[in-house]
Amino acid sequence: MPCYFQEVCTVTVEVQGSLDKASLDNFLQNLLWEKDVQNAVGKAMEIFRLKGVVSLAAIPNRVVIQAVQELYDSTQTTPWLENEDRFNRIVFIGKYLDSKVLTEQINKCHSTEKGS
């Protein structure tokens, strides 16, 4: 359920496959720094905190991403198993969040690399 007008809410986005690091970084920059990502009613989403585990193309390990307002960091952790399905799960906490828009933006970050 979107929380266009609620003060604070949580949205979890889960997508399969691997993401392109540059595309993900660009999306997060637009979301966190530029405040260019808007919900369906045109309100800029405000992120207080995000945390997730992502699969980045050409990186054999899971990557933990986290942000507090405009500060963003990522760290490689445990390796993906050879036959394991790769996935991305990101939890957003903030105001005016729209799960559909966030999911669409993450899906735009999918890698076009073979084997991702």
PDB file of N, CA and C in Angstrom:
ATOM      1  N   MET A   1       0.846  -1.180   0.000  1.00  0.00           N
ATOM      2  CA  MET A   1       0.000   0.000   0.000  1.00  0.00           C
ATOM      3  C   MET A   1       0.888   1.240   0.000  1.00  0.00           C
ATOM      4  N   PRO A   2       0.631   2.180  -0.910  1.00  0.00           N
ATOM      5  CA  PRO A   2       1.445   3.388  -0.924  1.00  0.00           C
ATOM      6  C   PRO A   2       1.152   4.252   0.297  1.00  0.00           C
ATOM      7  N   CYS A   3       2.128   5.002   0.717  1.00  0.00           N
ATOM      8  CA  CYS A   3       1.925   5.911   1.842  1.00  0.00           C
ATOM      9  C   CYS A   3       2.245   7.320   1.382  1.00  0.00           C
ATOM     10  N   TYR A   4       1.451   7.792   0.421  1.00  0.00           N
ATOM     11  CA  TYR A   4       1.689   9.100  -0.184  1.00  0.00           C
ATOM     12  C   TYR A   4       1.671  10.238   0.816  1.00  0.00           C
ATOM     13  N   PHE A   5       0.816  10.136   1.838  1.00  0.00           N
ATOM     14  CA  PHE A   5       0.616  11.270   2.724  1.00  0.00           C
ATOM     15  C   PHE A   5       0.953  10.966   4.178  1.00  0.00           C
ATOM     16  N   GLN A   6       1.265   9.707   4.506  1.00  0.00           N
ATOM     17  CA  GLN A   6       1.595   9.355   5.885  1.00  0.00           C
ATOM     18  C   GLN A   6       2.913   9.999   6.284  1.00  0.00           C
ATOM     19  N   GLU A   7       3.050  10.244   7.555  1.00  0.00           N
ATOM     20  CA  GLU A   7       4.281  10.859   8.026  1.00  0.00           C
ATOM     21  C   GLU A   7       5.500   9.961   7.794  1.00  0.00           C
ATOM     22  N   VAL A   8       5.470   8.729   8.298  1.00  0.00           N
ATOM     23  CA  VAL A   8       6.599   7.816   8.122  1.00  0.00           C
ATOM     24  C   VAL A   8       6.049   6.424   7.848  1.00  0.00           C
ATOM     25  N   CYS A   9       6.651   5.729   6.884  1.00  0.00           N
ATOM     26  CA  CYS A   9       6.238   4.358   6.605  1.00  0.00           C
ATOM     27  C   CYS A   9       7.443   3.560   6.109  1.00  0.00           C
ATOM     28  N   THR A  10       7.231   2.267   5.927  1.00  0.00           N
ATOM     29  CA  THR A  10       8.271   1.347   5.466  1.00  0.00           C
ATOM     30  C   THR A  10       7.799   0.644   4.206  1.00  0.00           C
ATOM     31  N   VAL A  11       8.696   0.523   3.230  1.00  0.00           N
ATOM     32  CA  VAL A  11       8.419  -0.203   1.998  1.00  0.00           C
ATOM     33  C   VAL A  11       9.586  -1.158   1.757  1.00  0.00           C
ATOM     34  N   THR A  12       9.260  -2.406   1.466  1.00  0.00           N
ATOM     35  CA  THR A  12      10.281  -3.389   1.096  1.00  0.00           C
ATOM     36  C   THR A  12      10.127  -3.721  -0.374  1.00  0.00           C
ATOM     37  N   VAL A  13      11.230  -3.647  -1.116  1.00  0.00           N
ATOM     38  CA  VAL A  13      11.246  -3.974  -2.541  1.00  0.00           C
ATOM     39  C   VAL A  13      12.101  -5.219  -2.721  1.00  0.00           C
ATOM     40  N   GLU A  14      11.539  -6.209  -3.423  1.00  0.00           N
ATOM     41  CA  GLU A  14      12.273  -7.439  -3.729  1.00  0.00           C
ATOM     42  C   GLU A  14      12.185  -7.700  -5.221  1.00  0.00           C
ATOM     43  N   VAL A  15      13.343  -7.866  -5.861  1.00  0.00           N
ATOM     44  CA  VAL A  15      13.402  -8.217  -7.282  1.00  0.00           C
ATOM     45  C   VAL A  15      14.489  -9.264  -7.488  1.00  0.00           C
ATOM     46  N   GLN A  16      14.286 -10.099  -8.482  1.00  0.00           N
ATOM     47  CA  GLN A  16      15.234 -11.162  -8.804  1.00  0.00           C
ATOM     48  C   GLN A  16      16.316 -10.645  -9.750  1.00  0.00           C
ATOM     49  N   GLY A  17      17.403 -11.410  -9.872  1.00  0.00           N
ATOM     50  CA  GLY A  17      18.462 -11.105 -10.828  1.00  0.00           C
ATOM     51  C   GLY A  17      19.551 -10.242 -10.229  1.00  0.00           C
ATOM     52  N   SER A  18      20.413  -9.739 -11.106  1.00  0.00           N
ATOM     53  CA  SER A  18      21.522  -8.885 -10.692  1.00  0.00           C
ATOM     54  C   SER A  18      21.332  -7.481 -11.228  1.00  0.00           C
ATOM     55  N   LEU A  19      21.813  -6.525 -10.457  1.00  0.00           N
ATOM     56  CA  LEU A  19      21.704  -5.126 -10.827  1.00  0.00           C
ATOM     57  C   LEU A  19      23.039  -4.603 -11.338  1.00  0.00           C
ATOM     58  N   ASP A  20      22.962  -3.581 -12.163  1.00  0.00           N
ATOM     59  CA  ASP A  20      24.137  -2.871 -12.642  1.00  0.00           C
ATOM     60  C   ASP A  20      24.530  -1.850 -11.580  1.00  0.00           C
ATOM     61  N   LYS A  21      25.779  -1.887 -11.125  1.00  0.00           N
ATOM     62  CA  LYS A  21      26.215  -1.017 -10.034  1.00  0.00           C
ATOM     63  C   LYS A  21      26.065   0.457 -10.374  1.00  0.00           C
ATOM     64  N   ALA A  22      26.461   0.861 -11.566  1.00  0.00           N
ATOM     65  CA  ALA A  22      26.363   2.271 -11.947  1.00  0.00           C
ATOM     66  C   ALA A  22      24.904   2.736 -11.967  1.00  0.00           C
ATOM     67  N   SER A  23      24.009   1.893 -12.459  1.00  0.00           N
ATOM     68  CA  SER A  23      22.585   2.253 -12.503  1.00  0.00           C
ATOM     69  C   SER A  23      22.012   2.365 -11.098  1.00  0.00           C
ATOM     70  N   LEU A  24      22.385   1.424 -10.218  1.00  0.00           N
ATOM     71  CA  LEU A  24      21.905   1.473  -8.838  1.00  0.00           C
ATOM     72  C   LEU A  24      22.433   2.724  -8.128  1.00  0.00           C
ATOM     73  N   ASP A  25      23.719   3.020  -8.314  1.00  0.00           N
ATOM     74  CA  ASP A  25      24.298   4.217  -7.698  1.00  0.00           C
ATOM     75  C   ASP A  25      23.591   5.481  -8.191  1.00  0.00           C
ATOM     76  N   ASN A  26      23.290   5.537  -9.482  1.00  0.00           N
ATOM     77  CA  ASN A  26      22.602   6.688 -10.059  1.00  0.00           C
ATOM     78  C   ASN A  26      21.198   6.842  -9.463  1.00  0.00           C
ATOM     79  N   PHE A  27      20.463   5.712  -9.349  1.00  0.00           N
ATOM     80  CA  PHE A  27      19.135   5.748  -8.744  1.00  0.00           C
ATOM     81  C   PHE A  27      19.207   6.248  -7.307  1.00  0.00           C
ATOM     82  N   LEU A  28      20.149   5.706  -6.527  1.00  0.00           N
ATOM     83  CA  LEU A  28      20.264   6.110  -5.121  1.00  0.00           C
ATOM     84  C   LEU A  28      20.672   7.578  -4.994  1.00  0.00           C
ATOM     85  N   GLN A  29      21.521   8.043  -5.887  1.00  0.00           N
ATOM     86  CA  GLN A  29      21.898   9.462  -5.879  1.00  0.00           C
ATOM     87  C   GLN A  29      20.666  10.325  -6.140  1.00  0.00           C
ATOM     88  N   ASN A  30      19.853   9.949  -7.123  1.00  0.00           N
ATOM     89  CA  ASN A  30      18.639  10.719  -7.422  1.00  0.00           C
ATOM     90  C   ASN A  30      17.641  10.673  -6.264  1.00  0.00           C
ATOM     91  N   LEU A  31      17.557   9.528  -5.613  1.00  0.00           N
ATOM     92  CA  LEU A  31      16.621   9.363  -4.496  1.00  0.00           C
ATOM     93  C   LEU A  31      17.091  10.102  -3.248  1.00  0.00           C
ATOM     94  N   LEU A  32      18.367   9.915  -2.887  1.00  0.00           N
ATOM     95  CA  LEU A  32      18.880  10.426  -1.613  1.00  0.00           C
ATOM     96  C   LEU A  32      19.375  11.863  -1.684  1.00  0.00           C
ATOM     97  N   TRP A  33      20.099  12.209  -2.738  1.00  0.00           N
ATOM     98  CA  TRP A  33      20.753  13.508  -2.801  1.00  0.00           C
ATOM     99  C   TRP A  33      19.948  14.533  -3.583  1.00  0.00           C
ATOM    100  N   GLU A  34      19.517  14.125  -4.773  1.00  0.00           N
ATOM    101  CA  GLU A  34      18.818  15.067  -5.648  1.00  0.00           C
ATOM    102  C   GLU A  34      17.341  15.206  -5.299  1.00  0.00           C
ATOM    103  N   LYS A  35      16.800  14.198  -4.602  1.00  0.00           N
ATOM    104  CA  LYS A  35      15.363  14.168  -4.238  1.00  0.00           C
ATOM    105  C   LYS A  35      14.488  14.245  -5.488  1.00  0.00           C
ATOM    106  N   ASP A  36      14.917  13.555  -6.561  1.00  0.00           N
ATOM    107  CA  ASP A  36      14.216  13.581  -7.850  1.00  0.00           C
ATOM    108  C   ASP A  36      13.203  12.454  -8.022  1.00  0.00           C
ATOM    109  N   VAL A  37      13.130  11.510  -7.115  1.00  0.00           N
ATOM    110  CA  VAL A  37      12.215  10.375  -7.271  1.00  0.00           C
ATOM    111  C   VAL A  37      10.903  10.740  -6.571  1.00  0.00           C
ATOM    112  N   GLN A  38       9.821  10.745  -7.351  1.00  0.00           N
ATOM    113  CA  GLN A  38       8.524  11.170  -6.833  1.00  0.00           C
ATOM    114  C   GLN A  38       7.546  10.015  -6.795  1.00  0.00           C
ATOM    115  N   ASN A  39       6.582  10.108  -5.865  1.00  0.00           N
ATOM    116  CA  ASN A  39       5.529   9.103  -5.806  1.00  0.00           C
ATOM    117  C   ASN A  39       4.480   9.398  -6.880  1.00  0.00           C
ATOM    118  N   ALA A  40       3.427   8.599  -6.938  1.00  0.00           N
ATOM    119  CA  ALA A  40       2.424   8.709  -7.996  1.00  0.00           C
ATOM    120  C   ALA A  40       1.655  10.027  -7.969  1.00  0.00           C
ATOM    121  N   VAL A  41       1.662  10.727  -6.843  1.00  0.00           N
ATOM    122  CA  VAL A  41       0.959  12.013  -6.776  1.00  0.00           C
ATOM    123  C   VAL A  41       1.926  13.205  -6.885  1.00  0.00           C
ATOM    124  N   GLY A  42       3.185  12.924  -7.270  1.00  0.00           N
ATOM    125  CA  GLY A  42       4.146  13.986  -7.549  1.00  0.00           C
ATOM    126  C   GLY A  42       4.908  14.531  -6.362  1.00  0.00           C
ATOM    127  N   LYS A  43       4.837  13.852  -5.233  1.00  0.00           N
ATOM    128  CA  LYS A  43       5.562  14.286  -4.036  1.00  0.00           C
ATOM    129  C   LYS A  43       6.923  13.575  -3.997  1.00  0.00           C
ATOM    130  N   ALA A  44       7.991  14.324  -3.774  1.00  0.00           N
ATOM    131  CA  ALA A  44       9.322  13.726  -3.683  1.00  0.00           C
ATOM    132  C   ALA A  44       9.401  12.816  -2.459  1.00  0.00           C
ATOM    133  N   MET A  45       9.912  11.611  -2.661  1.00  0.00           N
ATOM    134  CA  MET A  45      10.066  10.678  -1.547  1.00  0.00           C
ATOM    135  C   MET A  45      11.238  11.126  -0.676  1.00  0.00           C
ATOM    136  N   GLU A  46      11.039  11.076   0.632  1.00  0.00           N
ATOM    137  CA  GLU A  46      12.086  11.433   1.583  1.00  0.00           C
ATOM    138  C   GLU A  46      12.530  10.163   2.303  1.00  0.00           C
ATOM    139  N   ILE A  47      13.792   9.818   2.158  1.00  0.00           N
ATOM    140  CA  ILE A  47      14.329   8.600   2.765  1.00  0.00           C
ATOM    141  C   ILE A  47      15.065   8.963   4.054  1.00  0.00           C
ATOM    142  N   PHE A  48      14.624   8.334   5.152  1.00  0.00           N
ATOM    143  CA  PHE A  48      15.325   8.503   6.427  1.00  0.00           C
ATOM    144  C   PHE A  48      16.384   7.420   6.580  1.00  0.00           C
ATOM    145  N   ARG A  49      16.040   6.210   6.103  1.00  0.00           N
ATOM    146  CA  ARG A  49      16.940   5.067   6.269  1.00  0.00           C
ATOM    147  C   ARG A  49      16.619   4.059   5.188  1.00  0.00           C
ATOM    148  N   LEU A  50      17.641   3.405   4.671  1.00  0.00           N
ATOM    149  CA  LEU A  50      17.434   2.243   3.814  1.00  0.00           C
ATOM    150  C   LEU A  50      18.509   1.235   4.105  1.00  0.00           C
ATOM    151  N   LYS A  51      18.156  -0.026   3.922  1.00  0.00           N
ATOM    152  CA  LYS A  51      19.114  -1.103   4.136  1.00  0.00           C
ATOM    153  C   LYS A  51      18.691  -2.256   3.252  1.00  0.00           C
ATOM    154  N   GLY A  52      19.660  -2.953   2.692  1.00  0.00           N
ATOM    155  CA  GLY A  52      19.301  -4.069   1.847  1.00  0.00           C
ATOM    156  C   GLY A  52      20.480  -4.944   1.494  1.00  0.00           C
ATOM    157  N   VAL A  53      20.132  -6.043   0.833  1.00  0.00           N
ATOM    158  CA  VAL A  53      21.109  -6.969   0.269  1.00  0.00           C
ATOM    159  C   VAL A  53      20.834  -7.013  -1.217  1.00  0.00           C
ATOM    160  N   VAL A  54      21.884  -6.778  -2.007  1.00  0.00           N
ATOM    161  CA  VAL A  54      21.709  -6.763  -3.457  1.00  0.00           C
ATOM    162  C   VAL A  54      22.736  -7.658  -4.134  1.00  0.00           C
ATOM    163  N   SER A  55      22.378  -8.058  -5.347  1.00  0.00           N
ATOM    164  CA  SER A  55      23.279  -8.791  -6.219  1.00  0.00           C
ATOM    165  C   SER A  55      23.708  -7.842  -7.324  1.00  0.00           C
ATOM    166  N   LEU A  56      25.005  -7.573  -7.408  1.00  0.00           N
ATOM    167  CA  LEU A  56      25.530  -6.706  -8.458  1.00  0.00           C
ATOM    168  C   LEU A  56      26.241  -7.555  -9.504  1.00  0.00           C
ATOM    169  N   ALA A  57      25.997  -7.251 -10.757  1.00  0.00           N
ATOM    170  CA  ALA A  57      26.602  -7.994 -11.863  1.00  0.00           C
ATOM    171  C   ALA A  57      28.124  -7.994 -11.732  1.00  0.00           C
ATOM    172  N   ALA A  58      28.728  -9.123 -12.050  1.00  0.00           N
ATOM    173  CA  ALA A  58      30.187  -9.304 -12.060  1.00  0.00           C
ATOM    174  C   ALA A  58      30.808  -9.255 -10.663  1.00  0.00           C
ATOM    175  N   ILE A  59      30.003  -9.231  -9.621  1.00  0.00           N
ATOM    176  CA  ILE A  59      30.525  -9.274  -8.251  1.00  0.00           C
ATOM    177  C   ILE A  59      30.038 -10.581  -7.631  1.00  0.00           C
ATOM    178  N   PRO A  60      30.965 -11.461  -7.229  1.00  0.00           N
ATOM    179  CA  PRO A  60      30.560 -12.786  -6.758  1.00  0.00           C
ATOM    180  C   PRO A  60      29.932 -12.810  -5.360  1.00  0.00           C
ATOM    181  N   ASN A  61      30.017 -11.693  -4.634  1.00  0.00           N
ATOM    182  CA  ASN A  61      29.509 -11.641  -3.259  1.00  0.00           C
ATOM    183  C   ASN A  61      28.220 -10.834  -3.168  1.00  0.00           C
ATOM    184  N   ARG A  62      27.442 -11.154  -2.131  1.00  0.00           N
ATOM    185  CA  ARG A  62      26.304 -10.304  -1.791  1.00  0.00           C
ATOM    186  C   ARG A  62      26.858  -8.933  -1.402  1.00  0.00           C
ATOM    187  N   VAL A  63      26.060  -7.902  -1.634  1.00  0.00           N
ATOM    188  CA  VAL A  63      26.464  -6.556  -1.248  1.00  0.00           C
ATOM    189  C   VAL A  63      25.381  -5.997  -0.331  1.00  0.00           C
ATOM    190  N   VAL A  64      25.804  -5.558   0.847  1.00  0.00           N
ATOM    191  CA  VAL A  64      24.888  -4.909   1.782  1.00  0.00           C
ATOM    192  C   VAL A  64      24.961  -3.417   1.498  1.00  0.00           C
ATOM    193  N   ILE A  65      23.786  -2.811   1.280  1.00  0.00           N
ATOM    194  CA  ILE A  65      23.735  -1.366   1.092  1.00  0.00           C
ATOM    195  C   ILE A  65      22.975  -0.765   2.264  1.00  0.00           C
ATOM    196  N   GLN A  66      23.376   0.446   2.644  1.00  0.00           N
ATOM    197  CA  GLN A  66      22.668   1.130   3.712  1.00  0.00           C
ATOM    198  C   GLN A  66      22.831   2.628   3.522  1.00  0.00           C
ATOM    199  N   ALA A  67      21.814   3.340   3.985  1.00  0.00           N
ATOM    200  CA  ALA A  67      21.855   4.797   3.908  1.00  0.00           C
ATOM    201  C   ALA A  67      21.110   5.368   5.098  1.00  0.00           C
ATOM    202  N   VAL A  68      21.608   6.498   5.559  1.00  0.00           N
ATOM    203  CA  VAL A  68      20.923   7.303   6.560  1.00  0.00           C
ATOM    204  C   VAL A  68      20.830   8.686   5.938  1.00  0.00           C
ATOM    205  N   GLN A  69      19.613   9.065   5.602  1.00  0.00           N
ATOM    206  CA  GLN A  69      19.340  10.309   4.887  1.00  0.00           C
ATOM    207  C   GLN A  69      20.218  10.380   3.648  1.00  0.00           C
ATOM    208  N   GLU A  70      21.193  11.263   3.573  1.00  0.00           N
ATOM    209  CA  GLU A  70      21.991  11.413   2.353  1.00  0.00           C
ATOM    210  C   GLU A  70      23.295  10.614   2.369  1.00  0.00           C
ATOM    211  N   LEU A  71      23.621   9.950   3.463  1.00  0.00           N
ATOM    212  CA  LEU A  71      24.844   9.161   3.550  1.00  0.00           C
ATOM    213  C   LEU A  71      24.567   7.738   3.081  1.00  0.00           C
ATOM    214  N   TYR A  72      25.393   7.231   2.171  1.00  0.00           N
ATOM    215  CA  TYR A  72      25.166   5.937   1.535  1.00  0.00           C
ATOM    216  C   TYR A  72      26.471   5.150   1.520  1.00  0.00           C
ATOM    217  N   ASP A  73      26.360   3.822   1.786  1.00  0.00           N
ATOM    218  CA  ASP A  73      27.544   2.974   1.795  1.00  0.00           C
ATOM    219  C   ASP A  73      27.166   1.580   1.326  1.00  0.00           C
ATOM    220  N   SER A  74      28.147   0.858   0.810  1.00  0.00           N
ATOM    221  CA  SER A  74      27.932  -0.541   0.425  1.00  0.00           C
ATOM    222  C   SER A  74      29.153  -1.358   0.808  1.00  0.00           C
ATOM    223  N   THR A  75      28.901  -2.631   1.175  1.00  0.00           N
ATOM    224  CA  THR A  75      29.964  -3.529   1.612  1.00  0.00           C
ATOM    225  C   THR A  75      29.706  -4.923   1.071  1.00  0.00           C
ATOM    226  N   GLN A  76      30.736  -5.537   0.476  1.00  0.00           N
ATOM    227  CA  GLN A  76      30.606  -6.924   0.038  1.00  0.00           C
ATOM    228  C   GLN A  76      30.620  -7.849   1.247  1.00  0.00           C
ATOM    229  N   THR A  77      29.797  -8.915   1.174  1.00  0.00           N
ATOM    230  CA  THR A  77      29.745  -9.879   2.271  1.00  0.00           C
ATOM    231  C   THR A  77      29.981 -11.279   1.720  1.00  0.00           C
ATOM    232  N   THR A  78      29.119 -12.215   2.050  1.00  0.00           N
ATOM    233  CA  THR A  78      29.313 -13.618   1.696  1.00  0.00           C
ATOM    234  C   THR A  78      29.082 -13.865   0.201  1.00  0.00           C
ATOM    235  N   PRO A  79      29.754 -14.884  -0.350  1.00  0.00           N
ATOM    236  CA  PRO A  79      29.586 -15.170  -1.778  1.00  0.00           C
ATOM    237  C   PRO A  79      28.234 -15.819  -2.084  1.00  0.00           C
ATOM    238  N   TRP A  80      27.754 -15.538  -3.303  1.00  0.00           N
ATOM    239  CA  TRP A  80      26.577 -16.242  -3.814  1.00  0.00           C
ATOM    240  C   TRP A  80      27.026 -17.652  -4.185  1.00  0.00           C
ATOM    241  N   LEU A  81      26.210 -18.646  -3.910  1.00  0.00           N
ATOM    242  CA  LEU A  81      26.524 -20.006  -4.326  1.00  0.00           C
ATOM    243  C   LEU A  81      26.331 -20.125  -5.831  1.00  0.00           C
ATOM    244  N   GLU A  82      27.032 -21.055  -6.441  1.00  0.00           N
ATOM    245  CA  GLU A  82      27.027 -21.173  -7.908  1.00  0.00           C
ATOM    246  C   GLU A  82      25.619 -21.349  -8.489  1.00  0.00           C
ATOM    247  N   ASN A  83      24.793 -22.160  -7.880  1.00  0.00           N
ATOM    248  CA  ASN A  83      23.451 -22.422  -8.413  1.00  0.00           C
ATOM    249  C   ASN A  83      22.357 -21.633  -7.690  1.00  0.00           C
ATOM    250  N   GLU A  84      22.743 -20.679  -6.873  1.00  0.00           N
ATOM    251  CA  GLU A  84      21.777 -19.910  -6.088  1.00  0.00           C
ATOM    252  C   GLU A  84      21.127 -18.815  -6.944  1.00  0.00           C
ATOM    253  N   ASP A  85      19.815 -18.673  -6.791  1.00  0.00           N
ATOM    254  CA  ASP A  85      19.118 -17.576  -7.458  1.00  0.00           C
ATOM    255  C   ASP A  85      19.508 -16.268  -6.785  1.00  0.00           C
ATOM    256  N   ARG A  86      19.940 -15.318  -7.598  1.00  0.00           N
ATOM    257  CA  ARG A  86      20.312 -14.017  -7.057  1.00  0.00           C
ATOM    258  C   ARG A  86      19.074 -13.140  -6.913  1.00  0.00           C
ATOM    259  N   PHE A  87      19.065 -12.345  -5.849  1.00  0.00           N
ATOM    260  CA  PHE A  87      17.917 -11.488  -5.576  1.00  0.00           C
ATOM    261  C   PHE A  87      18.396 -10.182  -4.955  1.00  0.00           C
ATOM    262  N   ASN A  88      17.471  -9.244  -4.861  1.00  0.00           N
ATOM    263  CA  ASN A  88      17.732  -7.941  -4.256  1.00  0.00           C
ATOM    264  C   ASN A  88      16.570  -7.628  -3.329  1.00  0.00           C
ATOM    265  N   ARG A  89      16.868  -7.277  -2.103  1.00  0.00           N
ATOM    266  CA  ARG A  89      15.838  -6.920  -1.130  1.00  0.00           C
ATOM    267  C   ARG A  89      16.297  -5.630  -0.436  1.00  0.00           C
ATOM    268  N   ILE A  90      15.505  -4.580  -0.609  1.00  0.00           N
ATOM    269  CA  ILE A  90      15.851  -3.284  -0.024  1.00  0.00           C
ATOM    270  C   ILE A  90      14.659  -2.777   0.783  1.00  0.00           C
ATOM    271  N   VAL A  91      14.924  -2.352   2.010  1.00  0.00           N
ATOM    272  CA  VAL A  91      13.896  -1.795   2.884  1.00  0.00           C
ATOM    273  C   VAL A  91      14.117  -0.289   2.965  1.00  0.00           C
ATOM    274  N   PHE A  92      13.073   0.455   2.641  1.00  0.00           N
ATOM    275  CA  PHE A  92      13.097   1.914   2.681  1.00  0.00           C
ATOM    276  C   PHE A  92      12.227   2.388   3.846  1.00  0.00           C
ATOM    277  N   ILE A  93      12.730   3.331   4.619  1.00  0.00           N
ATOM    278  CA  ILE A  93      11.943   3.968   5.680  1.00  0.00           C
ATOM    279  C   ILE A  93      11.969   5.462   5.388  1.00  0.00           C
ATOM    280  N   GLY A  94      10.785   6.053   5.297  1.00  0.00           N
ATOM    281  CA  GLY A  94      10.739   7.482   4.997  1.00  0.00           C
ATOM    282  C   GLY A  94       9.329   7.989   4.859  1.00  0.00           C
ATOM    283  N   LYS A  95       9.208   9.136   4.199  1.00  0.00           N
ATOM    284  CA  LYS A  95       7.916   9.783   3.979  1.00  0.00           C
ATOM    285  C   LYS A  95       7.561   9.725   2.496  1.00  0.00           C
ATOM    286  N   TYR A  96       6.267   9.659   2.225  1.00  0.00           N
ATOM    287  CA  TYR A  96       5.725   9.745   0.868  1.00  0.00           C
ATOM    288  C   TYR A  96       6.234   8.621  -0.048  1.00  0.00           C
ATOM    289  N   LEU A  97       6.456   7.444   0.525  1.00  0.00           N
ATOM    290  CA  LEU A  97       7.005   6.323  -0.244  1.00  0.00           C
ATOM    291  C   LEU A  97       5.929   5.684  -1.123  1.00  0.00           C
ATOM    292  N   ASP A  98       6.353   5.201  -2.274  1.00  0.00           N
ATOM    293  CA  ASP A  98       5.468   4.544  -3.233  1.00  0.00           C
ATOM    294  C   ASP A  98       6.159   3.261  -3.679  1.00  0.00           C
ATOM    295  N   SER A  99       5.658   2.117  -3.218  1.00  0.00           N
ATOM    296  CA  SER A  99       6.318   0.839  -3.514  1.00  0.00           C
ATOM    297  C   SER A  99       6.367   0.552  -5.008  1.00  0.00           C
ATOM    298  N   LYS A 100       5.330   0.919  -5.744  1.00  0.00           N
ATOM    299  CA  LYS A 100       5.314   0.668  -7.193  1.00  0.00           C
ATOM    300  C   LYS A 100       6.427   1.457  -7.887  1.00  0.00           C
ATOM    301  N   VAL A 101       6.560   2.725  -7.557  1.00  0.00           N
ATOM    302  CA  VAL A 101       7.603   3.555  -8.173  1.00  0.00           C
ATOM    303  C   VAL A 101       8.990   3.055  -7.775  1.00  0.00           C
ATOM    304  N   LEU A 102       9.193   2.724  -6.505  1.00  0.00           N
ATOM    305  CA  LEU A 102      10.496   2.222  -6.067  1.00  0.00           C
ATOM    306  C   LEU A 102      10.845   0.910  -6.771  1.00  0.00           C
ATOM    307  N   THR A 103       9.868   0.014  -6.902  1.00  0.00           N
ATOM    308  CA  THR A 103      10.107  -1.255  -7.596  1.00  0.00           C
ATOM    309  C   THR A 103      10.450  -1.015  -9.062  1.00  0.00           C
ATOM    310  N   GLU A 104       9.730  -0.123  -9.717  1.00  0.00           N
ATOM    311  CA  GLU A 104      10.024   0.207 -11.119  1.00  0.00           C
ATOM    312  C   GLU A 104      11.439   0.760 -11.267  1.00  0.00           C
ATOM    313  N   GLN A 105      11.842   1.631 -10.344  1.00  0.00           N
ATOM    314  CA  GLN A 105      13.181   2.221 -10.409  1.00  0.00           C
ATOM    315  C   GLN A 105      14.275   1.171 -10.200  1.00  0.00           C
ATOM    316  N   ILE A 106      14.058   0.258  -9.260  1.00  0.00           N
ATOM    317  CA  ILE A 106      15.040  -0.819  -9.039  1.00  0.00           C
ATOM    318  C   ILE A 106      15.095  -1.728 -10.261  1.00  0.00           C
ATOM    319  N   ASN A 107      13.939  -2.055 -10.839  1.00  0.00           N
ATOM    320  CA  ASN A 107      13.925  -2.903 -12.036  1.00  0.00           C
ATOM    321  C   ASN A 107      14.675  -2.268 -13.204  1.00  0.00           C
ATOM    322  N   LYS A 108      14.693  -0.954 -13.290  1.00  0.00           N
ATOM    323  CA  LYS A 108      15.452  -0.267 -14.341  1.00  0.00           C
ATOM    324  C   LYS A 108      16.959  -0.439 -14.158  1.00  0.00           C
ATOM    325  N   CYS A 109      17.384  -0.866 -12.983  1.00  0.00           N
ATOM    326  CA  CYS A 109      18.808  -1.058 -12.683  1.00  0.00           C
ATOM    327  C   CYS A 109      19.308  -2.448 -13.043  1.00  0.00           C
ATOM    328  N   HIS A 110      18.434  -3.320 -13.553  1.00  0.00           N
ATOM    329  CA  HIS A 110      18.864  -4.673 -13.904  1.00  0.00           C
ATOM    330  C   HIS A 110      20.034  -4.643 -14.880  1.00  0.00           C
ATOM    331  N   SER A 111      20.941  -5.546 -14.688  1.00  0.00           N
ATOM    332  CA  SER A 111      22.109  -5.672 -15.541  1.00  0.00           C
ATOM    333  C   SER A 111      21.729  -6.339 -16.852  1.00  0.00           C
ATOM    334  N   THR A 112      22.406  -5.922 -17.912  1.00  0.00           N
ATOM    335  CA  THR A 112      22.219  -6.559 -19.215  1.00  0.00           C
ATOM    336  C   THR A 112      23.336  -7.568 -19.495  1.00  0.00           C
ATOM    337  N   GLU A 113      24.255  -7.714 -18.520  1.00  0.00           N
ATOM    338  CA  GLU A 113      25.356  -8.673 -18.671  1.00  0.00           C
ATOM    339  C   GLU A 113      24.838 -10.091 -18.705  1.00  0.00           C
ATOM    340  N   LYS A 114      25.405 -10.917 -19.562  1.00  0.00           N
ATOM    341  CA  LYS A 114      25.030 -12.330 -19.595  1.00  0.00           C
ATOM    342  C   LYS A 114      25.432 -12.984 -18.281  1.00  0.00           C
ATOM    343  N   GLY A 115      24.549 -13.895 -17.800  1.00  0.00           N
ATOM    344  CA  GLY A 115      24.843 -14.614 -16.578  1.00  0.00           C
ATOM    345  C   GLY A 115      24.490 -13.857 -15.330  1.00  0.00           C
ATOM    346  N   SER A 116      23.858 -12.702 -15.471  1.00  0.00           N
ATOM    347  CA  SER A 116      23.475 -11.914 -14.293  1.00  0.00           C
ATOM    348  C   SER A 116      22.118 -12.299 -13.808  1.00  0.00           C
TER     349      SER A 116
END
